[in-house]
């Protein structure tokens, strides 16, 4: 980065331009040692747009580099603007100087992030943003009060909701409701995972409210503000690194999702959610919006409908719930630019307590899914005990089943097979897939 001393001679009072030249003379560059690259810009040309351009180039460079060595060398979190000539370019040891300016792209947070997220909606979509009072915000949790990690996760979720002006309702297991109440939470004793999910849906329906269900181990909701679909891993990873990021509240996330559900028209779309993986680079390779794909159970918004979770299932219930909505309404809404961080299979309690090392529970649940949705649920091509959802093209919605108020039952009223799979991108719910290289 810099050269401050040569032999017994200090260079701290020498212009940065000369120090950089001396550095280049002394350093023999190799695979593990290189001089940090720089771009000279005339002071009169140093505008905000130029700085933004240089920042985006620096953040993208590693992903777009041709070789592994270049990728490692060009990795960056930002840029530093330094004066090259004159007294302002001298090295001031132990002091901060306004003549060196670090420029990074931290995420926007808090109320401003929420405001910016809703501003990304079109004028027509904004007309459909629901009021907070139209929601029943819930957290589904079980046995998480019995570890320090679990309690910290619980309090984090509660704080994220409280900071957005909401007191969520916690639907918890039958053994621990008092332990949850001692944490100051609004609690409903609801039993195991799937009955608890249905309990929350019933309560929301009784009040004619949108049901938002949240897992108890989510760390953040981040919107990547770039709707472009990229066609290579390198371009997608570079875009994920450089794009504007909004760390939003679960409340704003839910309002954003529902606005885009409702703009489709009355009764058209009743379920919406987020990208099911934690890999932003992979998300950038997908279309920004998908309407026939899996909706992750960790965070979703559901309008009042007869669709319910199948209580025969103990895992992968979100695949079934997604299929029920596709069968009944013909579409769902998934934003592939809103990404959550969740622990999935590594947290103590919840679904982790159901899984077994031999995978027997996974196989049982997969068998139920395949029985109900043989045209849509397929084995994952590389991962055992995992599935993908590919909703068949042209599969008609079951309007008659919605009209009479009963949940769809493809086993008894199975639609005919209608063409090849149409999904352009299929995902698993949990655990998260490996990162894009």
Protein backbone atom coordinates (compact mmCIF):
# COMPACT_ATOMS: atom_id res chain seq x y z
CA UNK A 1 0.00 0.00 0.00
CA UNK A 2 2.72 2.50 0.93
CA UNK A 3 6.44 2.86 1.69
CA UNK A 4 7.32 4.91 4.77
CA UNK A 5 11.05 4.23 5.29
CA UNK A 6 14.00 3.32 3.07
CA UNK A 7 17.00 2.30 5.14
CA UNK A 8 17.34 5.09 7.73
CA UNK A 9 15.45 7.63 5.63
CA UNK A 10 11.84 8.48 6.47
CA UNK A 11 9.52 9.04 3.52
CA UNK A 12 6.54 10.26 5.55
CA UNK A 13 7.08 13.87 4.40
CA UNK A 14 7.46 12.84 0.76
CA UNK A 15 4.54 13.14 -1.65
CA UNK A 16 2.45 10.00 -2.02
CA UNK A 17 3.20 9.92 -5.75
CA UNK A 18 6.92 9.54 -5.02
CA UNK A 19 6.33 7.02 -2.22
CA UNK A 20 4.30 4.87 -4.61
CA UNK A 21 7.08 5.07 -7.21
CA UNK A 22 9.70 4.00 -4.64
CA UNK A 23 7.43 1.15 -3.55
CA UNK A 24 7.26 -0.15 -7.12
CA UNK A 25 11.08 -0.11 -7.29
CA UNK A 26 11.53 -2.24 -4.17
CA UNK A 27 8.69 -4.75 -4.45
CA UNK A 28 9.21 -7.83 -6.60
CA UNK A 29 5.67 -8.83 -7.38
CA UNK A 30 4.68 -12.48 -7.33
CA UNK A 31 1.63 -14.66 -6.70
CA UNK A 32 1.54 -13.67 -3.01
CA UNK A 33 2.81 -10.10 -3.11
CA UNK A 34 1.56 -7.26 -5.29
CA UNK A 35 1.31 -3.49 -5.12
CA UNK A 36 -2.27 -2.38 -4.56
CA UNK A 37 -3.67 -1.01 -7.84
CA UNK A 38 -4.73 2.61 -8.16
CA UNK A 39 -6.35 4.95 -10.66
CA UNK A 40 -5.31 8.58 -10.98
CA UNK A 41 -8.17 11.08 -11.32
CA UNK A 42 -7.70 14.84 -11.68
CA UNK A 43 -9.18 16.75 -8.70
CA UNK A 44 -11.46 18.70 -11.03
CA UNK A 45 -12.93 15.43 -12.34
CA UNK A 46 -13.50 13.76 -8.97
CA UNK A 47 -17.31 13.84 -8.96
CA UNK A 48 -19.78 11.62 -7.13
CA UNK A 49 -20.51 9.68 -10.31
CA UNK A 50 -16.79 9.01 -10.90
CA UNK A 51 -16.38 7.82 -7.31
CA UNK A 52 -19.39 5.53 -7.68
CA UNK A 53 -18.01 4.17 -10.94
CA UNK A 54 -14.61 3.44 -9.37
CA UNK A 55 -16.25 1.80 -6.34
CA UNK A 56 -18.39 -0.50 -8.48
CA UNK A 57 -15.38 -1.43 -10.60
CA UNK A 58 -13.36 -2.30 -7.48
CA UNK A 59 -16.17 -4.39 -5.95
CA UNK A 60 -16.72 -6.28 -9.21
CA UNK A 61 -13.09 -6.83 -10.22
CA UNK A 62 -12.43 -10.00 -8.24
CA UNK A 63 -15.46 -11.81 -9.67
CA UNK A 64 -14.70 -10.78 -13.24
CA UNK A 65 -10.98 -11.64 -13.12
CA UNK A 66 -9.76 -14.38 -15.45
CA UNK A 67 -7.45 -16.33 -13.11
CA UNK A 68 -7.60 -17.57 -9.54
CA UNK A 69 -4.55 -15.44 -8.69
CA UNK A 70 -6.20 -12.29 -10.02
CA UNK A 71 -9.42 -13.07 -8.19
CA UNK A 72 -7.56 -13.24 -4.88
CA UNK A 73 -5.52 -10.13 -5.60
CA UNK A 74 -8.46 -7.96 -6.68
CA UNK A 75 -10.79 -8.81 -3.81
CA UNK A 76 -11.98 -5.55 -2.21
CA UNK A 77 -14.58 -4.10 0.13
CA UNK A 78 -14.18 -0.54 -1.09
CA UNK A 79 -11.74 2.13 -2.25
CA UNK A 80 -9.62 4.83 -0.58
CA UNK A 81 -9.32 8.29 -2.13
CA UNK A 82 -5.91 9.87 -1.43
CA UNK A 83 -4.25 13.11 -2.47
CA UNK A 84 -1.16 12.34 -4.58
CA UNK A 85 0.84 15.58 -4.41
CA UNK A 86 1.66 18.37 -1.95
CA UNK A 87 1.50 18.66 1.85
CA UNK A 88 -1.92 17.00 1.95
CA UNK A 89 -0.40 13.79 0.56
CA UNK A 90 2.11 13.37 3.40
CA UNK A 91 1.79 10.37 5.69
CA UNK A 92 0.52 11.42 9.13
CA UNK A 93 1.30 8.51 11.44
CA UNK A 94 -1.24 7.83 14.16
CA UNK A 95 -3.73 10.43 12.90
CA UNK A 96 -6.91 10.39 10.86
CA UNK A 97 -6.89 12.75 7.93
CA UNK A 98 -9.69 14.16 5.80
CA UNK A 99 -7.29 13.88 2.88
CA UNK A 100 -7.74 10.09 2.93
CA UNK A 101 -11.36 9.07 2.40
CA UNK A 102 -12.46 5.43 2.64
CA UNK A 103 -15.51 4.73 0.47
CA UNK A 104 -17.51 1.55 0.99
CA UNK A 105 -21.06 0.45 0.34
CA UNK A 106 -22.56 -0.56 3.67
CA UNK A 107 -26.19 -1.64 3.63
CA UNK A 108 -28.89 0.92 4.28
CA UNK A 109 -30.65 0.07 7.54
CA UNK A 110 -33.60 1.05 9.71
CA UNK A 111 -36.57 3.16 8.69
CA UNK A 112 -34.73 4.55 5.65
CA UNK A 113 -34.16 1.03 4.30
CA UNK A 114 -37.86 0.23 4.76
CA UNK A 115 -38.83 3.44 2.96
CA UNK A 116 -36.45 2.76 0.08
CA UNK A 117 -37.73 -0.81 -0.32
CA UNK A 118 -41.33 0.34 -0.76
CA UNK A 119 -40.14 3.09 -3.12
CA UNK A 120 -38.85 0.42 -5.51
CA UNK A 121 -42.47 -0.57 -6.20
CA UNK A 122 -44.24 0.79 -9.26
CA UNK A 123 -46.96 3.42 -8.88
CA UNK A 124 -49.61 0.77 -9.41
CA UNK A 125 -48.03 -1.62 -6.89
CA UNK A 126 -47.86 1.18 -4.30
CA UNK A 127 -51.64 1.43 -4.43
CA UNK A 128 -51.76 -2.10 -3.05
CA UNK A 129 -49.37 -1.70 -0.10
CA UNK A 130 -51.32 -3.01 2.90
CA UNK A 131 -51.50 -1.20 6.21
CA UNK A 132 -49.68 -2.84 9.14
CA UNK A 133 -53.07 -3.38 10.81
CA UNK A 134 -54.05 -5.75 7.95
CA UNK A 135 -51.45 -8.33 9.05
CA UNK A 136 -51.29 -11.04 11.67
CA UNK A 137 -47.52 -11.27 12.27
CA UNK A 138 -46.45 -14.57 13.79
CA UNK A 139 -43.31 -16.47 14.78
CA UNK A 140 -43.45 -20.27 14.86
CA UNK A 141 -41.06 -21.69 17.45
CA UNK A 142 -40.45 -24.78 19.53
CA UNK A 143 -38.10 -25.63 22.43
CA UNK A 144 -35.79 -22.71 21.63
CA UNK A 145 -35.93 -21.35 25.20
CA UNK A 146 -33.66 -24.10 26.49
CA UNK A 147 -30.37 -22.84 25.13
CA UNK A 148 -28.57 -19.51 25.24
CA UNK A 149 -28.33 -19.51 21.45
CA UNK A 150 -32.06 -20.12 21.13
CA UNK A 151 -32.97 -17.34 23.55
CA UNK A 152 -30.68 -14.90 21.72
CA UNK A 153 -32.36 -15.83 18.42
CA UNK A 154 -35.81 -15.32 19.95
CA UNK A 155 -34.93 -11.90 21.32
CA UNK A 156 -33.39 -10.85 17.99
CA UNK A 157 -36.59 -11.64 16.08
CA UNK A 158 -38.70 -9.91 18.71
CA UNK A 159 -36.51 -6.80 18.53
CA UNK A 160 -36.67 -6.67 14.72
CA UNK A 161 -40.46 -6.70 14.89
CA UNK A 162 -40.66 -4.29 17.83
CA UNK A 163 -38.36 -1.79 16.10
CA UNK A 164 -40.86 -1.75 13.22
CA UNK A 165 -43.75 -1.05 15.58
CA UNK A 166 -45.18 -4.58 15.74
CA UNK A 167 -45.72 -7.08 18.55
CA UNK A 168 -45.72 -10.53 16.90
CA UNK A 169 -47.61 -13.53 18.22
CA UNK A 170 -45.46 -16.55 19.04
CA UNK A 171 -46.97 -19.97 18.26
CA UNK A 172 -44.99 -22.40 20.39
CA UNK A 173 -44.81 -26.03 21.47
CA UNK A 174 -46.98 -27.43 24.26
CA UNK A 175 -44.14 -27.80 26.78
CA UNK A 176 -42.53 -24.36 26.82
CA UNK A 177 -45.19 -21.61 26.62
CA UNK A 178 -44.43 -20.28 30.11
CA UNK A 179 -40.73 -20.13 29.29
CA UNK A 180 -41.54 -18.00 26.24
CA UNK A 181 -43.87 -15.76 28.28
CA UNK A 182 -41.08 -15.10 30.77
CA UNK A 183 -39.20 -13.46 27.89
CA UNK A 184 -42.04 -10.94 27.56
CA UNK A 185 -43.57 -12.47 24.44
CA UNK A 186 -47.19 -12.74 23.32
CA UNK A 187 -47.63 -16.52 23.25
CA UNK A 188 -50.12 -19.06 21.90
CA UNK A 189 -49.64 -22.72 22.89
CA UNK A 190 -50.01 -24.44 19.52
CA UNK A 191 -48.22 -27.79 19.60
CA UNK A 192 -45.83 -29.17 17.01
CA UNK A 193 -44.61 -27.32 13.93
CA UNK A 194 -47.35 -28.17 11.42
CA UNK A 195 -50.32 -27.78 13.79
CA UNK A 196 -48.79 -24.49 14.94
CA UNK A 197 -48.60 -23.25 11.36
CA UNK A 198 -52.27 -24.09 10.80
CA UNK A 199 -53.25 -22.52 14.12
CA UNK A 200 -51.67 -19.25 12.98
CA UNK A 201 -53.47 -19.45 9.62
CA UNK A 202 -56.83 -20.03 11.35
CA UNK A 203 -56.32 -17.12 13.73
CA UNK A 204 -55.42 -14.81 10.86
CA UNK A 205 -58.42 -16.00 8.86
CA UNK A 206 -60.77 -15.41 11.78
CA UNK A 207 -59.73 -11.75 11.73
CA UNK A 208 -59.62 -11.60 7.91
CA UNK A 209 -55.92 -10.71 8.06
CA UNK A 210 -52.83 -11.62 6.07
CA UNK A 211 -50.84 -14.27 7.93
CA UNK A 212 -47.08 -13.70 8.04
CA UNK A 213 -45.14 -16.66 9.40
CA UNK A 214 -41.56 -16.24 10.54
CA UNK A 215 -38.97 -18.76 11.68
CA UNK A 216 -37.32 -18.06 15.00
CA UNK A 217 -33.74 -18.21 13.68
CA UNK A 218 -33.70 -15.50 10.99
CA UNK A 219 -30.88 -13.00 11.37
CA UNK A 220 -31.71 -10.46 8.66
CA UNK A 221 -33.81 -9.55 5.63
CA UNK A 222 -31.69 -8.02 2.85
CA UNK A 223 -33.05 -6.63 -0.41
CA UNK A 224 -30.54 -6.54 -3.30
CA UNK A 225 -31.62 -3.55 -5.34
CA UNK A 226 -30.84 -4.80 -8.83
CA UNK A 227 -33.58 -6.55 -10.80
CA UNK A 228 -31.35 -7.53 -13.73
CA UNK A 229 -30.94 -11.24 -14.43
CA UNK A 230 -27.28 -12.15 -15.03
CA UNK A 231 -26.26 -15.10 -17.18
CA UNK A 232 -22.91 -16.16 -15.70
CA UNK A 233 -21.66 -16.87 -12.20
CA UNK A 234 -19.01 -14.17 -12.54
CA UNK A 235 -21.46 -11.45 -13.58
CA UNK A 236 -24.01 -12.49 -10.97
CA UNK A 237 -21.51 -12.57 -8.09
CA UNK A 238 -20.08 -9.21 -9.15
CA UNK A 239 -23.57 -7.71 -9.24
CA UNK A 240 -24.40 -9.11 -5.81
CA UNK A 241 -21.23 -7.58 -4.40
CA UNK A 242 -21.64 -4.10 -5.84
CA UNK A 243 -25.40 -3.55 -5.74
CA UNK A 244 -27.20 -1.41 -3.20
CA UNK A 245 -28.37 -3.46 -0.22
CA UNK A 246 -31.27 -2.62 2.05
CA UNK A 247 -31.45 -4.38 5.43
CA UNK A 248 -35.17 -4.13 6.00
CA UNK A 249 -37.57 -5.10 8.76
CA UNK A 250 -39.79 -8.18 8.44
CA UNK A 251 -42.75 -5.80 8.45
CA UNK A 252 -41.53 -3.86 5.41
CA UNK A 253 -40.61 -7.14 3.69
CA UNK A 254 -44.14 -8.46 4.18
CA UNK A 255 -45.77 -5.23 2.91
CA UNK A 256 -43.50 -5.30 -0.17
CA UNK A 257 -44.41 -8.91 -0.95
CA UNK A 258 -48.15 -8.49 -0.48
CA UNK A 259 -48.29 -5.33 -2.62
CA UNK A 260 -46.92 -7.37 -5.52
CA UNK A 261 -49.34 -10.21 -4.80
CA UNK A 262 -52.38 -7.94 -4.73
CA UNK A 263 -51.51 -6.02 -7.88
CA UNK A 264 -52.22 -9.24 -9.79
CA UNK A 265 -55.93 -8.83 -9.09
CA UNK A 266 -58.49 -10.13 -6.57
CA UNK A 267 -58.10 -13.82 -5.76
CA UNK A 268 -55.23 -14.26 -8.19
CA UNK A 269 -52.20 -14.72 -5.88
CA UNK A 270 -52.54 -15.69 -2.21
CA UNK A 271 -49.00 -16.70 -1.19
CA UNK A 272 -45.68 -14.86 -1.42
CA UNK A 273 -42.17 -15.27 -0.11
CA UNK A 274 -38.43 -14.72 -0.44
CA UNK A 275 -35.53 -16.38 -2.23
CA UNK A 276 -35.03 -19.80 -0.59
CA UNK A 277 -31.22 -19.76 -0.47
CA UNK A 278 -28.73 -17.49 1.25
CA UNK A 279 -26.54 -17.06 -1.83
CA UNK A 280 -27.03 -13.62 -3.41
CA UNK A 281 -24.88 -14.50 -6.42
CA UNK A 282 -27.12 -17.43 -7.25
CA UNK A 283 -30.18 -15.24 -6.78
CA UNK A 284 -28.84 -12.78 -9.35
CA UNK A 285 -28.77 -15.56 -11.94
CA UNK A 286 -32.51 -16.04 -11.55
CA UNK A 287 -35.36 -13.82 -12.70
CA UNK A 288 -36.16 -11.19 -10.10
CA UNK A 289 -39.72 -12.50 -9.77
CA UNK A 290 -41.06 -16.05 -10.09
CA UNK A 291 -44.67 -17.19 -9.99
CA UNK A 292 -44.53 -21.00 -10.23
CA UNK A 293 -41.75 -21.79 -7.79
CA UNK A 294 -41.22 -22.98 -4.24
CA UNK A 295 -42.09 -20.62 -1.35
CA UNK A 296 -39.85 -21.10 1.67
CA UNK A 297 -41.62 -21.67 4.99
CA UNK A 298 -39.12 -19.60 6.97
CA UNK A 299 -40.81 -16.36 5.93
CA UNK A 300 -43.97 -15.98 3.90
CA UNK A 301 -47.17 -13.96 3.66
CA UNK A 302 -50.49 -15.69 2.98
CA UNK A 303 -53.82 -14.06 2.24
CA UNK A 304 -56.91 -15.72 3.72
CA UNK A 305 -57.58 -18.96 1.82
CA UNK A 306 -58.69 -22.54 2.48
CA UNK A 307 -55.14 -23.82 1.87
CA UNK A 308 -53.59 -25.48 4.91
CA UNK A 309 -50.46 -27.41 5.79
CA UNK A 310 -50.81 -31.19 5.62
CA UNK A 311 -50.49 -32.45 9.19
CA UNK A 312 -49.25 -35.83 7.99
CA UNK A 313 -45.99 -34.04 7.24
CA UNK A 314 -43.36 -33.17 9.81
CA UNK A 315 -40.76 -31.81 7.33
CA UNK A 316 -40.86 -30.19 3.87
CA UNK A 317 -44.37 -28.99 4.59
CA UNK A 318 -43.67 -25.76 2.70
CA UNK A 319 -43.39 -27.71 -0.58
CA UNK A 320 -46.89 -29.06 -0.05
CA UNK A 321 -48.25 -25.66 0.94
CA UNK A 322 -46.76 -24.10 -2.20
CA UNK A 323 -48.27 -26.80 -4.40
CA UNK A 324 -51.67 -26.30 -2.77
CA UNK A 325 -51.60 -22.63 -3.71
CA UNK A 326 -50.43 -23.34 -7.24
CA UNK A 327 -53.20 -25.89 -7.62
CA UNK A 328 -55.87 -23.54 -6.22
CA UNK A 329 -54.84 -20.17 -7.67
CA UNK A 330 -52.46 -20.89 -10.52
CA UNK A 331 -49.55 -18.85 -9.14
CA UNK A 332 -47.55 -17.66 -6.15
CA UNK A 333 -45.17 -14.71 -5.83
CA UNK A 334 -41.49 -15.07 -5.04
CA UNK A 335 -39.00 -12.23 -5.03
CA UNK A 336 -35.48 -13.46 -5.75
CA UNK A 337 -33.92 -10.22 -4.57
CA UNK A 338 -35.09 -10.42 -0.95
CA UNK A 339 -32.81 -12.80 0.93
CA UNK A 340 -32.95 -13.94 4.54
CA UNK A 341 -30.17 -15.38 6.68
CA UNK A 342 -31.43 -18.40 8.60
CA UNK A 343 -29.77 -21.29 10.41
CA UNK A 344 -32.13 -23.97 9.08
CA UNK A 345 -30.73 -27.35 10.16
CA UNK A 346 -28.06 -26.03 12.56
CA UNK A 347 -30.37 -24.56 15.19
CA UNK A 348 -31.39 -26.50 18.27
CA UNK A 349 -35.08 -27.42 18.45
CA UNK A 350 -37.79 -27.01 15.83
CA UNK A 351 -37.39 -29.09 12.70
CA UNK A 352 -33.92 -30.19 13.82
CA UNK A 353 -35.48 -32.21 16.60
CA UNK A 354 -37.58 -34.09 14.00
CA UNK A 355 -34.79 -35.09 11.60
CA UNK A 356 -32.94 -38.34 12.24
CA UNK A 357 -29.43 -39.32 11.24
CA UNK A 358 -30.64 -42.19 9.07
CA UNK A 359 -32.94 -39.88 7.10
CA UNK A 360 -36.05 -42.00 7.68
CA UNK A 361 -38.26 -39.01 8.50
CA UNK A 362 -37.04 -37.21 5.38
CA UNK A 363 -37.87 -40.20 3.21
CA UNK A 364 -41.34 -40.58 4.75
CA UNK A 365 -42.17 -36.93 4.08
CA UNK A 366 -40.82 -37.10 0.55
CA UNK A 367 -43.01 -40.14 -0.10
CA UNK A 368 -46.08 -38.20 1.05
CA UNK A 369 -45.17 -35.29 -1.21
CA UNK A 370 -44.66 -37.54 -4.23
CA UNK A 371 -47.98 -39.27 -3.57
CA UNK A 372 -49.82 -35.94 -3.49
CA UNK A 373 -47.88 -34.13 -6.22
CA UNK A 374 -46.35 -36.76 -8.55
CA UNK A 375 -46.08 -34.30 -11.46
CA UNK A 376 -44.36 -31.57 -9.42
CA UNK A 377 -42.12 -33.09 -6.73
CA UNK A 378 -38.91 -34.70 -8.01
CA UNK A 379 -35.78 -36.05 -6.35
CA UNK A 380 -32.90 -33.62 -6.17
CA UNK A 381 -30.39 -34.70 -8.82
CA UNK A 382 -27.32 -34.49 -6.57
CA UNK A 383 -28.49 -34.49 -2.93
CA UNK A 384 -30.03 -37.46 -1.18
CA UNK A 385 -33.23 -36.93 0.81
CA UNK A 386 -33.85 -33.59 -0.89
CA UNK A 387 -36.40 -32.65 -3.54
CA UNK A 388 -37.12 -29.97 -6.10
CA UNK A 389 -40.45 -28.49 -7.13
CA UNK A 390 -41.14 -28.17 -10.85
CA UNK A 391 -44.72 -27.15 -11.42
CA UNK A 392 -45.93 -28.60 -14.74
CA UNK A 393 -46.61 -26.14 -17.54
CA UNK A 394 -50.27 -25.53 -18.24
CA UNK A 395 -51.52 -27.15 -15.02
CA UNK A 396 -54.94 -25.59 -14.44
CA UNK A 397 -55.98 -24.10 -11.13
CA UNK A 398 -58.72 -25.91 -9.23
CA UNK A 399 -61.29 -23.14 -9.11
CA UNK A 400 -64.09 -25.46 -8.09
CA UNK A 401 -62.18 -26.55 -4.99
CA UNK A 402 -61.68 -22.97 -3.83
CA UNK A 403 -65.29 -22.05 -4.53
CA UNK A 404 -66.72 -24.65 -2.17
CA UNK A 405 -64.25 -23.74 0.59
CA UNK A 406 -62.37 -27.01 0.76
CA UNK A 407 -58.61 -27.37 0.49
CA UNK A 408 -57.33 -28.83 -2.75
CA UNK A 409 -56.72 -32.57 -2.79
CA UNK A 410 -54.84 -33.65 -5.89
CA UNK A 411 -55.03 -37.30 -4.85
CA UNK A 412 -58.80 -37.28 -5.19
CA UNK A 413 -59.12 -34.64 -7.93
CA UNK A 414 -55.86 -34.95 -9.75
CA UNK A 415 -55.37 -32.81 -12.81
CA UNK A 416 -54.13 -34.51 -15.94
CA UNK A 417 -50.48 -34.27 -16.76
CA UNK A 418 -49.94 -31.13 -18.82
CA UNK A 419 -46.64 -30.95 -20.59
CA UNK A 420 -43.05 -30.72 -19.52
CA UNK A 421 -41.73 -28.88 -16.48
CA UNK A 422 -41.58 -25.13 -16.99
CA UNK A 423 -39.59 -23.93 -14.02
CA UNK A 424 -36.45 -22.10 -15.04
CA UNK A 425 -34.95 -22.39 -11.58
CA UNK A 426 -35.80 -24.87 -8.86
CA UNK A 427 -34.60 -24.69 -5.29
CA UNK A 428 -34.56 -26.69 -2.10
CA UNK A 429 -35.79 -25.30 1.18
CA UNK A 430 -33.19 -26.40 3.65
CA UNK A 431 -30.36 -26.74 4.13
CA UNK A 432 -29.04 -23.99 1.89
CA UNK A 433 -27.30 -25.11 -1.26
CA UNK A 434 -23.53 -24.56 -1.58
CA UNK A 435 -22.43 -21.11 -2.64
CA UNK A 436 -21.88 -20.32 -6.27
CA UNK A 437 -18.12 -20.48 -6.92
